[in-house]
Amino acid sequence: MLPERQLEPSSSCRMVNDEQTKQSSLTTMIFDKLQQFRQAVYNRLGKTKDAVFELMDAVLVSPSVSSFVSLSLSPLFRRQWPSVYAALEDGRPLRSKLMRLYLEQIPTRPVRKFGVLTQS
């Protein structure tokens, strides 16, 4: 009878697993950042934040918006259509804080400076 051997994964299998782990980790990180951003937006929407947030989601996924009534028919807006008007009328988002939050999401790249060589 032959002794049992533990098979170790080849280096290419380990590389694939490492890549999958990195990709999964990156996806989780992006999703977490999106959740944090959405929560931060929600916290700045004022007293009708639930309706305004659903309205924003409806706008984002609608191919075209022809009226408030069409937005109220979106599956993401779970309220009656008059709630669209009420949300917009009663909602007082903290605009300056929202704008600051939006601007923070724009990635910044370091400025690269290149020297120019000249001959005299």
PDB file of N, CA and C in Angstrom:
ATOM      1  N   MET A   1       0.840  -1.176   0.000  1.00  0.00           N
ATOM      2  CA  MET A   1       0.000   0.000   0.000  1.00  0.00           C
ATOM      3  C   MET A   1       0.890   1.246   0.000  1.00  0.00           C
ATOM      4  N   LEU A   2       0.527   2.214  -0.814  1.00  0.00           N
ATOM      5  CA  LEU A   2       1.313   3.430  -0.930  1.00  0.00           C
ATOM      6  C   LEU A   2       0.971   4.405   0.196  1.00  0.00           C
ATOM      7  N   PRO A   3       1.959   5.130   0.703  1.00  0.00           N
ATOM      8  CA  PRO A   3       1.663   6.117   1.745  1.00  0.00           C
ATOM      9  C   PRO A   3       0.864   7.283   1.159  1.00  0.00           C
ATOM     10  N   GLU A   4      -0.012   7.848   1.969  1.00  0.00           N
ATOM     11  CA  GLU A   4      -0.813   8.994   1.523  1.00  0.00           C
ATOM     12  C   GLU A   4       0.088  10.203   1.388  1.00  0.00           C
ATOM     13  N   ARG A   5      -0.152  10.963   0.354  1.00  0.00           N
ATOM     14  CA  ARG A   5       0.630  12.182   0.135  1.00  0.00           C
ATOM     15  C   ARG A   5      -0.293  13.387   0.128  1.00  0.00           C
ATOM     16  N   GLN A   6       0.159  14.410   0.752  1.00  0.00           N
ATOM     17  CA  GLN A   6      -0.581  15.672   0.699  1.00  0.00           C
ATOM     18  C   GLN A   6      -0.151  16.405  -0.560  1.00  0.00           C
ATOM     19  N   LEU A   7      -1.081  16.694  -1.396  1.00  0.00           N
ATOM     20  CA  LEU A   7      -0.756  17.430  -2.603  1.00  0.00           C
ATOM     21  C   LEU A   7      -0.798  18.920  -2.304  1.00  0.00           C
ATOM     22  N   GLU A   8       0.260  19.575  -2.637  1.00  0.00           N
ATOM     23  CA  GLU A   8       0.297  21.013  -2.462  1.00  0.00           C
ATOM     24  C   GLU A   8      -0.103  21.668  -3.777  1.00  0.00           C
ATOM     25  N   PRO A   9      -0.860  22.752  -3.693  1.00  0.00           N
ATOM     26  CA  PRO A   9      -1.246  23.420  -4.928  1.00  0.00           C
ATOM     27  C   PRO A   9      -0.015  23.966  -5.635  1.00  0.00           C
ATOM     28  N   SER A  10      -0.072  23.926  -6.947  1.00  0.00           N
ATOM     29  CA  SER A  10       1.044  24.455  -7.737  1.00  0.00           C
ATOM     30  C   SER A  10       1.120  25.966  -7.548  1.00  0.00           C
ATOM     31  N   SER A  11       2.236  26.545  -7.934  1.00  0.00           N
ATOM     32  CA  SER A  11       2.414  27.989  -7.771  1.00  0.00           C
ATOM     33  C   SER A  11       1.401  28.764  -8.602  1.00  0.00           C
ATOM     34  N   SER A  12       1.012  28.237  -9.776  1.00  0.00           N
ATOM     35  CA  SER A  12       0.019  28.948 -10.593  1.00  0.00           C
ATOM     36  C   SER A  12      -1.344  28.946  -9.906  1.00  0.00           C
ATOM     37  N   CYS A  13      -1.685  27.852  -9.208  1.00  0.00           N
ATOM     38  CA  CYS A  13      -2.947  27.804  -8.459  1.00  0.00           C
ATOM     39  C   CYS A  13      -2.919  28.805  -7.309  1.00  0.00           C
ATOM     40  N   ARG A  14      -1.774  28.891  -6.633  1.00  0.00           N
ATOM     41  CA  ARG A  14      -1.653  29.846  -5.534  1.00  0.00           C
ATOM     42  C   ARG A  14      -1.778  31.269  -6.050  1.00  0.00           C
ATOM     43  N   MET A  15      -1.195  31.533  -7.225  1.00  0.00           N
ATOM     44  CA  MET A  15      -1.282  32.874  -7.795  1.00  0.00           C
ATOM     45  C   MET A  15      -2.723  33.226  -8.136  1.00  0.00           C
ATOM     46  N   VAL A  16      -3.458  32.279  -8.691  1.00  0.00           N
ATOM     47  CA  VAL A  16      -4.873  32.512  -9.018  1.00  0.00           C
ATOM     48  C   VAL A  16      -5.652  32.773  -7.746  1.00  0.00           C
ATOM     49  N   ASN A  17      -5.421  31.975  -6.702  1.00  0.00           N
ATOM     50  CA  ASN A  17      -6.114  32.182  -5.437  1.00  0.00           C
ATOM     51  C   ASN A  17      -5.760  33.528  -4.824  1.00  0.00           C
ATOM     52  N   ASP A  18      -4.489  33.928  -4.917  1.00  0.00           N
ATOM     53  CA  ASP A  18      -4.078  35.229  -4.401  1.00  0.00           C
ATOM     54  C   ASP A  18      -4.786  36.352  -5.158  1.00  0.00           C
ATOM     55  N   GLU A  19      -4.885  36.214  -6.468  1.00  0.00           N
ATOM     56  CA  GLU A  19      -5.562  37.224  -7.283  1.00  0.00           C
ATOM     57  C   GLU A  19      -7.047  37.299  -6.926  1.00  0.00           C
ATOM     58  N   GLN A  20      -7.671  36.152  -6.741  1.00  0.00           N
ATOM     59  CA  GLN A  20      -9.083  36.125  -6.375  1.00  0.00           C
ATOM     60  C   GLN A  20      -9.283  36.774  -5.011  1.00  0.00           C
ATOM     61  N   THR A  21      -8.385  36.501  -4.080  1.00  0.00           N
ATOM     62  CA  THR A  21      -8.472  37.097  -2.751  1.00  0.00           C
ATOM     63  C   THR A  21      -8.308  38.606  -2.834  1.00  0.00           C
ATOM     64  N   LYS A  22      -7.341  39.073  -3.634  1.00  0.00           N
ATOM     65  CA  LYS A  22      -7.136  40.510  -3.805  1.00  0.00           C
ATOM     66  C   LYS A  22      -8.359  41.161  -4.427  1.00  0.00           C
ATOM     67  N   GLN A  23      -8.924  40.525  -5.460  1.00  0.00           N
ATOM     68  CA  GLN A  23     -10.101  41.071  -6.140  1.00  0.00           C
ATOM     69  C   GLN A  23     -11.284  41.129  -5.190  1.00  0.00           C
ATOM     70  N   SER A  24     -11.480  40.075  -4.412  1.00  0.00           N
ATOM     71  CA  SER A  24     -12.573  40.037  -3.446  1.00  0.00           C
ATOM     72  C   SER A  24     -12.394  41.119  -2.389  1.00  0.00           C
ATOM     73  N   SER A  25     -11.169  41.299  -1.938  1.00  0.00           N
ATOM     74  CA  SER A  25     -10.861  42.321  -0.950  1.00  0.00           C
ATOM     75  C   SER A  25     -11.114  43.713  -1.510  1.00  0.00           C
ATOM     76  N   LEU A  26     -10.720  43.938  -2.765  1.00  0.00           N
ATOM     77  CA  LEU A  26     -10.940  45.225  -3.418  1.00  0.00           C
ATOM     78  C   LEU A  26     -12.431  45.496  -3.579  1.00  0.00           C
ATOM     79  N   THR A  27     -13.190  44.491  -3.995  1.00  0.00           N
ATOM     80  CA  THR A  27     -14.639  44.643  -4.150  1.00  0.00           C
ATOM     81  C   THR A  27     -15.285  44.986  -2.815  1.00  0.00           C
ATOM     82  N   THR A  28     -14.878  44.310  -1.758  1.00  0.00           N
ATOM     83  CA  THR A  28     -15.415  44.585  -0.424  1.00  0.00           C
ATOM     84  C   THR A  28     -15.078  46.004   0.001  1.00  0.00           C
ATOM     85  N   MET A  29     -13.854  46.437  -0.264  1.00  0.00           N
ATOM     86  CA  MET A  29     -13.431  47.785   0.104  1.00  0.00           C
ATOM     87  C   MET A  29     -14.252  48.842  -0.645  1.00  0.00           C
ATOM     88  N   ILE A  30     -14.482  48.634  -1.932  1.00  0.00           N
ATOM     89  CA  ILE A  30     -15.275  49.575  -2.728  1.00  0.00           C
ATOM     90  C   ILE A  30     -16.717  49.609  -2.234  1.00  0.00           C
ATOM     91  N   PHE A  31     -17.281  48.450  -1.953  1.00  0.00           N
ATOM     92  CA  PHE A  31     -18.656  48.383  -1.461  1.00  0.00           C
ATOM     93  C   PHE A  31     -18.777  49.088  -0.111  1.00  0.00           C
ATOM     94  N   ASP A  32     -17.812  48.870   0.783  1.00  0.00           N
ATOM     95  CA  ASP A  32     -17.830  49.527   2.090  1.00  0.00           C
ATOM     96  C   ASP A  32     -17.753  51.043   1.938  1.00  0.00           C
ATOM     97  N   LYS A  33     -16.913  51.504   1.023  1.00  0.00           N
ATOM     98  CA  LYS A  33     -16.781  52.945   0.795  1.00  0.00           C
ATOM     99  C   LYS A  33     -18.092  53.521   0.253  1.00  0.00           C
ATOM    100  N   LEU A  34     -18.736  52.793  -0.642  1.00  0.00           N
ATOM    101  CA  LEU A  34     -20.026  53.234  -1.180  1.00  0.00           C
ATOM    102  C   LEU A  34     -21.077  53.311  -0.069  1.00  0.00           C
ATOM    103  N   GLN A  35     -21.114  52.310   0.783  1.00  0.00           N
ATOM    104  CA  GLN A  35     -22.071  52.328   1.901  1.00  0.00           C
ATOM    105  C   GLN A  35     -21.819  53.517   2.820  1.00  0.00           C
ATOM    106  N   GLN A  36     -20.564  53.792   3.114  1.00  0.00           N
ATOM    107  CA  GLN A  36     -20.229  54.931   3.974  1.00  0.00           C
ATOM    108  C   GLN A  36     -20.647  56.244   3.320  1.00  0.00           C
ATOM    109  N   PHE A  37     -20.428  56.354   2.012  1.00  0.00           N
ATOM    110  CA  PHE A  37     -20.814  57.562   1.291  1.00  0.00           C
ATOM    111  C   PHE A  37     -22.327  57.743   1.319  1.00  0.00           C
ATOM    112  N   ARG A  38     -23.057  56.678   1.030  1.00  0.00           N
ATOM    113  CA  ARG A  38     -24.520  56.766   1.028  1.00  0.00           C
ATOM    114  C   ARG A  38     -25.057  57.132   2.415  1.00  0.00           C
ATOM    115  N   GLN A  39     -24.460  56.587   3.465  1.00  0.00           N
ATOM    116  CA  GLN A  39     -24.882  56.919   4.829  1.00  0.00           C
ATOM    117  C   GLN A  39     -24.589  58.388   5.134  1.00  0.00           C
ATOM    118  N   ALA A  40     -23.441  58.878   4.698  1.00  0.00           N
ATOM    119  CA  ALA A  40     -23.087  60.279   4.918  1.00  0.00           C
ATOM    120  C   ALA A  40     -24.058  61.203   4.184  1.00  0.00           C
ATOM    121  N   VAL A  41     -24.428  60.847   2.945  1.00  0.00           N
ATOM    122  CA  VAL A  41     -25.416  61.643   2.197  1.00  0.00           C
ATOM    123  C   VAL A  41     -26.747  61.625   2.936  1.00  0.00           C
ATOM    124  N   TYR A  42     -27.191  60.456   3.331  1.00  0.00           N
ATOM    125  CA  TYR A  42     -28.463  60.309   4.041  1.00  0.00           C
ATOM    126  C   TYR A  42     -28.502  61.190   5.293  1.00  0.00           C
ATOM    127  N   ASN A  43     -27.413  61.221   6.030  1.00  0.00           N
ATOM    128  CA  ASN A  43     -27.359  62.001   7.271  1.00  0.00           C
ATOM    129  C   ASN A  43     -27.452  63.501   7.033  1.00  0.00           C
ATOM    130  N   ARG A  44     -27.216  63.961   5.826  1.00  0.00           N
ATOM    131  CA  ARG A  44     -27.227  65.391   5.515  1.00  0.00           C
ATOM    132  C   ARG A  44     -28.483  65.837   4.772  1.00  0.00           C
ATOM    133  N   LEU A  45     -29.481  64.984   4.656  1.00  0.00           N
ATOM    134  CA  LEU A  45     -30.637  65.297   3.815  1.00  0.00           C
ATOM    135  C   LEU A  45     -31.772  66.045   4.499  1.00  0.00           C
ATOM    136  N   GLY A  46     -31.727  66.292   5.748  1.00  0.00           N
ATOM    137  CA  GLY A  46     -32.788  67.041   6.402  1.00  0.00           C
ATOM    138  C   GLY A  46     -33.874  66.142   6.948  1.00  0.00           C
ATOM    139  N   LYS A  47     -35.006  66.758   7.294  1.00  0.00           N
ATOM    140  CA  LYS A  47     -36.020  65.995   8.037  1.00  0.00           C
ATOM    141  C   LYS A  47     -36.823  65.000   7.197  1.00  0.00           C
ATOM    142  N   THR A  48     -36.858  65.141   5.896  1.00  0.00           N
ATOM    143  CA  THR A  48     -37.566  64.153   5.060  1.00  0.00           C
ATOM    144  C   THR A  48     -36.558  63.256   4.340  1.00  0.00           C
ATOM    145  N   LYS A  49     -35.491  62.911   5.059  1.00  0.00           N
ATOM    146  CA  LYS A  49     -34.374  62.189   4.438  1.00  0.00           C
ATOM    147  C   LYS A  49     -34.768  60.859   3.827  1.00  0.00           C
ATOM    148  N   ASP A  50     -35.718  60.128   4.416  1.00  0.00           N
ATOM    149  CA  ASP A  50     -36.104  58.835   3.845  1.00  0.00           C
ATOM    150  C   ASP A  50     -36.689  58.990   2.446  1.00  0.00           C
ATOM    151  N   ALA A  51     -37.635  59.906   2.322  1.00  0.00           N
ATOM    152  CA  ALA A  51     -38.282  60.110   1.018  1.00  0.00           C
ATOM    153  C   ALA A  51     -37.304  60.705   0.003  1.00  0.00           C
ATOM    154  N   VAL A  52     -36.480  61.653   0.420  1.00  0.00           N
ATOM    155  CA  VAL A  52     -35.521  62.271  -0.497  1.00  0.00           C
ATOM    156  C   VAL A  52     -34.498  61.238  -0.957  1.00  0.00           C
ATOM    157  N   PHE A  53     -34.065  60.383  -0.051  1.00  0.00           N
ATOM    158  CA  PHE A  53     -33.076  59.370  -0.418  1.00  0.00           C
ATOM    159  C   PHE A  53     -33.652  58.382  -1.428  1.00  0.00           C
ATOM    160  N   GLU A  54     -34.894  57.947  -1.205  1.00  0.00           N
ATOM    161  CA  GLU A  54     -35.547  57.058  -2.168  1.00  0.00           C
ATOM    162  C   GLU A  54     -35.744  57.768  -3.504  1.00  0.00           C
ATOM    163  N   LEU A  55     -36.058  59.033  -3.450  1.00  0.00           N
ATOM    164  CA  LEU A  55     -36.231  59.817  -4.676  1.00  0.00           C
ATOM    165  C   LEU A  55     -34.910  59.903  -5.443  1.00  0.00           C
ATOM    166  N   MET A  56     -33.810  60.114  -4.725  1.00  0.00           N
ATOM    167  CA  MET A  56     -32.496  60.146  -5.387  1.00  0.00           C
ATOM    168  C   MET A  56     -32.184  58.808  -6.043  1.00  0.00           C
ATOM    169  N   ASP A  57     -32.453  57.714  -5.353  1.00  0.00           N
ATOM    170  CA  ASP A  57     -32.219  56.398  -5.943  1.00  0.00           C
ATOM    171  C   ASP A  57     -33.069  56.203  -7.198  1.00  0.00           C
ATOM    172  N   ALA A  58     -34.319  56.650  -7.136  1.00  0.00           N
ATOM    173  CA  ALA A  58     -35.202  56.515  -8.294  1.00  0.00           C
ATOM    174  C   ALA A  58     -34.662  57.310  -9.486  1.00  0.00           C
ATOM    175  N   VAL A  59     -34.148  58.513  -9.229  1.00  0.00           N
ATOM    176  CA  VAL A  59     -33.577  59.330 -10.309  1.00  0.00           C
ATOM    177  C   VAL A  59     -32.364  58.636 -10.913  1.00  0.00           C
ATOM    178  N   LEU A  60     -31.529  58.045 -10.051  1.00  0.00           N
ATOM    179  CA  LEU A  60     -30.294  57.418 -10.529  1.00  0.00           C
ATOM    180  C   LEU A  60     -30.534  56.203 -11.420  1.00  0.00           C
ATOM    181  N   VAL A  61     -31.587  55.451 -11.170  1.00  0.00           N
ATOM    182  CA  VAL A  61     -31.805  54.230 -11.951  1.00  0.00           C
ATOM    183  C   VAL A  61     -32.821  54.395 -13.069  1.00  0.00           C
ATOM    184  N   SER A  62     -33.488  55.537 -13.135  1.00  0.00           N
ATOM    185  CA  SER A  62     -34.477  55.752 -14.186  1.00  0.00           C
ATOM    186  C   SER A  62     -33.781  56.151 -15.484  1.00  0.00           C
ATOM    187  N   PRO A  63     -34.148  55.499 -16.595  1.00  0.00           N
ATOM    188  CA  PRO A  63     -33.511  55.847 -17.867  1.00  0.00           C
ATOM    189  C   PRO A  63     -33.826  57.273 -18.305  1.00  0.00           C
ATOM    190  N   SER A  64     -35.023  57.726 -18.002  1.00  0.00           N
ATOM    191  CA  SER A  64     -35.379  59.121 -18.276  1.00  0.00           C
ATOM    192  C   SER A  64     -36.457  59.524 -17.276  1.00  0.00           C
ATOM    193  N   VAL A  65     -36.435  60.772 -16.911  1.00  0.00           N
ATOM    194  CA  VAL A  65     -37.402  61.275 -15.937  1.00  0.00           C
ATOM    195  C   VAL A  65     -38.252  62.328 -16.631  1.00  0.00           C
ATOM    196  N   SER A  66     -39.519  61.996 -16.836  1.00  0.00           N
ATOM    197  CA  SER A  66     -40.393  62.940 -17.527  1.00  0.00           C
ATOM    198  C   SER A  66     -41.280  63.719 -16.556  1.00  0.00           C
ATOM    199  N   SER A  67     -41.487  63.159 -15.353  1.00  0.00           N
ATOM    200  CA  SER A  67     -42.329  63.847 -14.377  1.00  0.00           C
ATOM    201  C   SER A  67     -42.097  63.253 -12.996  1.00  0.00           C
ATOM    202  N   PHE A  68     -42.604  63.943 -11.998  1.00  0.00           N
ATOM    203  CA  PHE A  68     -42.531  63.402 -10.633  1.00  0.00           C
ATOM    204  C   PHE A  68     -43.348  62.130 -10.512  1.00  0.00           C
ATOM    205  N   VAL A  69     -44.437  62.071 -11.256  1.00  0.00           N
ATOM    206  CA  VAL A  69     -45.281  60.874 -11.204  1.00  0.00           C
ATOM    207  C   VAL A  69     -44.491  59.662 -11.707  1.00  0.00           C
ATOM    208  N   SER A  70     -43.727  59.845 -12.773  1.00  0.00           N
ATOM    209  CA  SER A  70     -42.941  58.712 -13.279  1.00  0.00           C
ATOM    210  C   SER A  70     -41.892  58.275 -12.249  1.00  0.00           C
ATOM    211  N   LEU A  71     -41.321  59.227 -11.526  1.00  0.00           N
ATOM    212  CA  LEU A  71     -40.382  58.865 -10.468  1.00  0.00           C
ATOM    213  C   LEU A  71     -41.071  58.094  -9.353  1.00  0.00           C
ATOM    214  N   SER A  72     -42.281  58.494  -9.043  1.00  0.00           N
ATOM    215  CA  SER A  72     -42.999  57.826  -7.950  1.00  0.00           C
ATOM    216  C   SER A  72     -43.372  56.388  -8.310  1.00  0.00           C
ATOM    217  N   LEU A  73     -43.324  56.047  -9.605  1.00  0.00           N
ATOM    218  CA  LEU A  73     -43.623  54.682 -10.035  1.00  0.00           C
ATOM    219  C   LEU A  73     -42.406  53.767  -9.980  1.00  0.00           C
ATOM    220  N   SER A  74     -41.239  54.336  -9.710  1.00  0.00           N
ATOM    221  CA  SER A  74     -40.025  53.534  -9.604  1.00  0.00           C
ATOM    222  C   SER A  74     -40.143  52.574  -8.421  1.00  0.00           C
ATOM    223  N   PRO A  75     -39.678  51.343  -8.577  1.00  0.00           N
ATOM    224  CA  PRO A  75     -39.720  50.400  -7.456  1.00  0.00           C
ATOM    225  C   PRO A  75     -38.858  50.847  -6.276  1.00  0.00           C
ATOM    226  N   LEU A  76     -37.930  51.761  -6.509  1.00  0.00           N
ATOM    227  CA  LEU A  76     -37.091  52.247  -5.414  1.00  0.00           C
ATOM    228  C   LEU A  76     -37.773  53.323  -4.584  1.00  0.00           C
ATOM    229  N   PHE A  77     -38.817  53.938  -5.136  1.00  0.00           N
ATOM    230  CA  PHE A  77     -39.574  54.932  -4.382  1.00  0.00           C
ATOM    231  C   PHE A  77     -40.810  54.242  -3.844  1.00  0.00           C
ATOM    232  N   ARG A  78     -40.788  53.878  -2.573  1.00  0.00           N
ATOM    233  CA  ARG A  78     -41.838  53.033  -1.990  1.00  0.00           C
ATOM    234  C   ARG A  78     -42.991  53.821  -1.382  1.00  0.00           C
ATOM    235  N   ARG A  79     -43.116  55.069  -1.711  1.00  0.00           N
ATOM    236  CA  ARG A  79     -44.158  55.911  -1.127  1.00  0.00           C
ATOM    237  C   ARG A  79     -45.207  56.270  -2.177  1.00  0.00           C
ATOM    238  N   GLN A  80     -46.241  56.940  -1.758  1.00  0.00           N
ATOM    239  CA  GLN A  80     -47.272  57.408  -2.686  1.00  0.00           C
ATOM    240  C   GLN A  80     -46.732  58.624  -3.440  1.00  0.00           C
ATOM    241  N   TRP A  81     -47.242  58.872  -4.638  1.00  0.00           N
ATOM    242  CA  TRP A  81     -46.689  59.933  -5.467  1.00  0.00           C
ATOM    243  C   TRP A  81     -46.731  61.311  -4.826  1.00  0.00           C
ATOM    244  N   PRO A  82     -47.726  61.675  -3.981  1.00  0.00           N
ATOM    245  CA  PRO A  82     -47.667  63.007  -3.356  1.00  0.00           C
ATOM    246  C   PRO A  82     -46.449  63.184  -2.439  1.00  0.00           C
ATOM    247  N   SER A  83     -45.855  62.073  -2.006  1.00  0.00           N
ATOM    248  CA  SER A  83     -44.676  62.156  -1.146  1.00  0.00           C
ATOM    249  C   SER A  83     -43.487  62.773  -1.869  1.00  0.00           C
ATOM    250  N   VAL A  84     -43.473  62.675  -3.187  1.00  0.00           N
ATOM    251  CA  VAL A  84     -42.394  63.299  -3.963  1.00  0.00           C
ATOM    252  C   VAL A  84     -42.423  64.801  -3.718  1.00  0.00           C
ATOM    253  N   TYR A  85     -43.593  65.402  -3.858  1.00  0.00           N
ATOM    254  CA  TYR A  85     -43.730  66.843  -3.655  1.00  0.00           C
ATOM    255  C   TYR A  85     -43.436  67.215  -2.208  1.00  0.00           C
ATOM    256  N   ALA A  86     -43.947  66.443  -1.275  1.00  0.00           N
ATOM    257  CA  ALA A  86     -43.724  66.729   0.143  1.00  0.00           C
ATOM    258  C   ALA A  86     -42.241  66.641   0.497  1.00  0.00           C
ATOM    259  N   ALA A  87     -41.581  65.643  -0.044  1.00  0.00           N
ATOM    260  CA  ALA A  87     -40.154  65.475   0.252  1.00  0.00           C
ATOM    261  C   ALA A  87     -39.355  66.671  -0.263  1.00  0.00           C
ATOM    262  N   LEU A  88     -39.670  67.115  -1.460  1.00  0.00           N
ATOM    263  CA  LEU A  88     -38.939  68.240  -2.029  1.00  0.00           C
ATOM    264  C   LEU A  88     -39.282  69.560  -1.348  1.00  0.00           C
ATOM    265  N   GLU A  89     -40.528  69.689  -0.910  1.00  0.00           N
ATOM    266  CA  GLU A  89     -40.944  70.920  -0.253  1.00  0.00           C
ATOM    267  C   GLU A  89     -40.425  71.000   1.179  1.00  0.00           C
ATOM    268  N   ASP A  90     -40.500  69.895   1.908  1.00  0.00           N
ATOM    269  CA  ASP A  90     -40.131  69.903   3.323  1.00  0.00           C
ATOM    270  C   ASP A  90     -38.659  69.597   3.574  1.00  0.00           C
ATOM    271  N   GLY A  91     -38.032  68.954   2.614  1.00  0.00           N
ATOM    272  CA  GLY A  91     -36.633  68.590   2.809  1.00  0.00           C
ATOM    273  C   GLY A  91     -35.727  69.801   2.690  1.00  0.00           C
ATOM    274  N   ARG A  92     -34.875  69.966   3.638  1.00  0.00           N
ATOM    275  CA  ARG A  92     -33.901  71.050   3.616  1.00  0.00           C
ATOM    276  C   ARG A  92     -32.510  70.456   3.810  1.00  0.00           C
ATOM    277  N   PRO A  93     -31.939  69.922   2.717  1.00  0.00           N
ATOM    278  CA  PRO A  93     -30.619  69.305   2.870  1.00  0.00           C
ATOM    279  C   PRO A  93     -29.561  70.345   3.237  1.00  0.00           C
ATOM    280  N   LEU A  94     -28.558  69.887   3.907  1.00  0.00           N
ATOM    281  CA  LEU A  94     -27.436  70.744   4.267  1.00  0.00           C
ATOM    282  C   LEU A  94     -26.529  70.858   3.043  1.00  0.00           C
ATOM    283  N   ARG A  95     -26.861  71.799   2.178  1.00  0.00           N
ATOM    284  CA  ARG A  95     -26.228  71.881   0.862  1.00  0.00           C
ATOM    285  C   ARG A  95     -24.712  72.034   0.923  1.00  0.00           C
ATOM    286  N   SER A  96     -24.237  72.901   1.777  1.00  0.00           N
ATOM    287  CA  SER A  96     -22.784  73.110   1.821  1.00  0.00           C
ATOM    288  C   SER A  96     -22.071  71.848   2.298  1.00  0.00           C
ATOM    289  N   LYS A  97     -22.675  71.139   3.248  1.00  0.00           N
ATOM    290  CA  LYS A  97     -22.064  69.895   3.726  1.00  0.00           C
ATOM    291  C   LYS A  97     -22.149  68.799   2.664  1.00  0.00           C
ATOM    292  N   LEU A  98     -23.254  68.758   1.926  1.00  0.00           N
ATOM    293  CA  LEU A  98     -23.371  67.787   0.829  1.00  0.00           C
ATOM    294  C   LEU A  98     -22.339  68.074  -0.253  1.00  0.00           C
ATOM    295  N   MET A  99     -22.180  69.342  -0.615  1.00  0.00           N
ATOM    296  CA  MET A  99     -21.220  69.704  -1.651  1.00  0.00           C
ATOM    297  C   MET A  99     -19.806  69.335  -1.216  1.00  0.00           C
ATOM    298  N   ARG A 100     -19.482  69.597   0.037  1.00  0.00           N
ATOM    299  CA  ARG A 100     -18.161  69.237   0.548  1.00  0.00           C
ATOM    300  C   ARG A 100     -17.953  67.730   0.467  1.00  0.00           C
ATOM    301  N   LEU A 101     -18.991  66.976   0.836  1.00  0.00           N
ATOM    302  CA  LEU A 101     -18.915  65.516   0.772  1.00  0.00           C
ATOM    303  C   LEU A 101     -18.714  65.052  -0.675  1.00  0.00           C
ATOM    304  N   TYR A 102     -19.443  65.641  -1.611  1.00  0.00           N
ATOM    305  CA  TYR A 102     -19.298  65.274  -3.015  1.00  0.00           C
ATOM    306  C   TYR A 102     -17.885  65.571  -3.513  1.00  0.00           C
ATOM    307  N   LEU A 103     -17.372  66.738  -3.158  1.00  0.00           N
ATOM    308  CA  LEU A 103     -16.035  67.120  -3.604  1.00  0.00           C
ATOM    309  C   LEU A 103     -14.959  66.208  -3.023  1.00  0.00           C
ATOM    310  N   GLU A 104     -15.178  65.711  -1.818  1.00  0.00           N
ATOM    311  CA  GLU A 104     -14.212  64.796  -1.206  1.00  0.00           C
ATOM    312  C   GLU A 104     -14.108  63.478  -1.971  1.00  0.00           C
ATOM    313  N   GLN A 105     -15.123  63.151  -2.768  1.00  0.00           N
ATOM    314  CA  GLN A 105     -15.132  61.888  -3.497  1.00  0.00           C
ATOM    315  C   GLN A 105     -14.331  61.948  -4.793  1.00  0.00           C
ATOM    316  N   ILE A 106     -13.976  63.145  -5.229  1.00  0.00           N
ATOM    317  CA  ILE A 106     -13.217  63.288  -6.464  1.00  0.00           C
ATOM    318  C   ILE A 106     -11.774  62.889  -6.184  1.00  0.00           C
ATOM    319  N   PRO A 107     -11.303  61.878  -6.872  1.00  0.00           N
ATOM    320  CA  PRO A 107      -9.918  61.458  -6.610  1.00  0.00           C
ATOM    321  C   PRO A 107      -8.932  62.533  -7.047  1.00  0.00           C
ATOM    322  N   THR A 108      -7.929  62.699  -6.257  1.00  0.00           N
ATOM    323  CA  THR A 108      -6.894  63.661  -6.609  1.00  0.00           C
ATOM    324  C   THR A 108      -5.631  62.905  -6.971  1.00  0.00           C
ATOM    325  N   ARG A 109      -4.975  63.408  -7.950  1.00  0.00           N
ATOM    326  CA  ARG A 109      -3.718  62.792  -8.385  1.00  0.00           C
ATOM    327  C   ARG A 109      -2.584  63.732  -7.989  1.00  0.00           C
ATOM    328  N   PRO A 110      -1.493  63.163  -7.593  1.00  0.00           N
ATOM    329  CA  PRO A 110      -0.364  64.040  -7.283  1.00  0.00           C
ATOM    330  C   PRO A 110       0.113  64.756  -8.541  1.00  0.00           C
ATOM    331  N   VAL A 111       0.500  65.978  -8.376  1.00  0.00           N
ATOM    332  CA  VAL A 111       0.990  66.756  -9.510  1.00  0.00           C
ATOM    333  C   VAL A 111       2.414  66.314  -9.795  1.00  0.00           C
ATOM    334  N   ARG A 112       2.650  65.957 -11.019  1.00  0.00           N
ATOM    335  CA  ARG A 112       4.001  65.533 -11.421  1.00  0.00           C
ATOM    336  C   ARG A 112       4.682  66.703 -12.112  1.00  0.00           C
ATOM    337  N   LYS A 113       5.858  66.952 -11.665  1.00  0.00           N
ATOM    338  CA  LYS A 113       6.623  68.044 -12.267  1.00  0.00           C
ATOM    339  C   LYS A 113       7.769  67.434 -13.066  1.00  0.00           C
ATOM    340  N   PHE A 114       7.876  67.882 -14.265  1.00  0.00           N
ATOM    341  CA  PHE A 114       8.936  67.400 -15.141  1.00  0.00           C
ATOM    342  C   PHE A 114       9.882  68.549 -15.450  1.00  0.00           C
ATOM    343  N   GLY A 115      11.141  68.269 -15.350  1.00  0.00           N
ATOM    344  CA  GLY A 115      12.132  69.276 -15.708  1.00  0.00           C
ATOM    345  C   GLY A 115      12.401  69.225 -17.200  1.00  0.00           C
ATOM    346  N   VAL A 116      12.764  70.327 -17.751  1.00  0.00           N
ATOM    347  CA  VAL A 116      13.074  70.398 -19.168  1.00  0.00           C
ATOM    348  C   VAL A 116      14.554  70.729 -19.296  1.00  0.00           C
ATOM    349  N   LEU A 117      15.249  69.901 -20.031  1.00  0.00           N
ATOM    350  CA  LEU A 117      16.669  70.135 -20.272  1.00  0.00           C
ATOM    351  C   LEU A 117      16.822  70.965 -21.531  1.00  0.00           C
ATOM    352  N   THR A 118      17.647  71.972 -21.454  1.00  0.00           N
ATOM    353  CA  THR A 118      17.917  72.790 -22.639  1.00  0.00           C
ATOM    354  C   THR A 118      19.416  72.872 -22.847  1.00  0.00           C
ATOM    355  N   GLN A 119      19.782  73.080 -24.065  1.00  0.00           N
ATOM    356  CA  GLN A 119      21.195  73.282 -24.377  1.00  0.00           C
ATOM    357  C   GLN A 119      21.436  74.748 -24.664  1.00  0.00           C
ATOM    358  N   SER A 120      22.551  75.252 -24.176  1.00  0.00           N
ATOM    359  CA  SER A 120      22.863  76.662 -24.447  1.00  0.00           C
ATOM    360  C   SER A 120      23.832  76.764 -25.584  1.00  0.00           C
TER     361      SER A 120
END
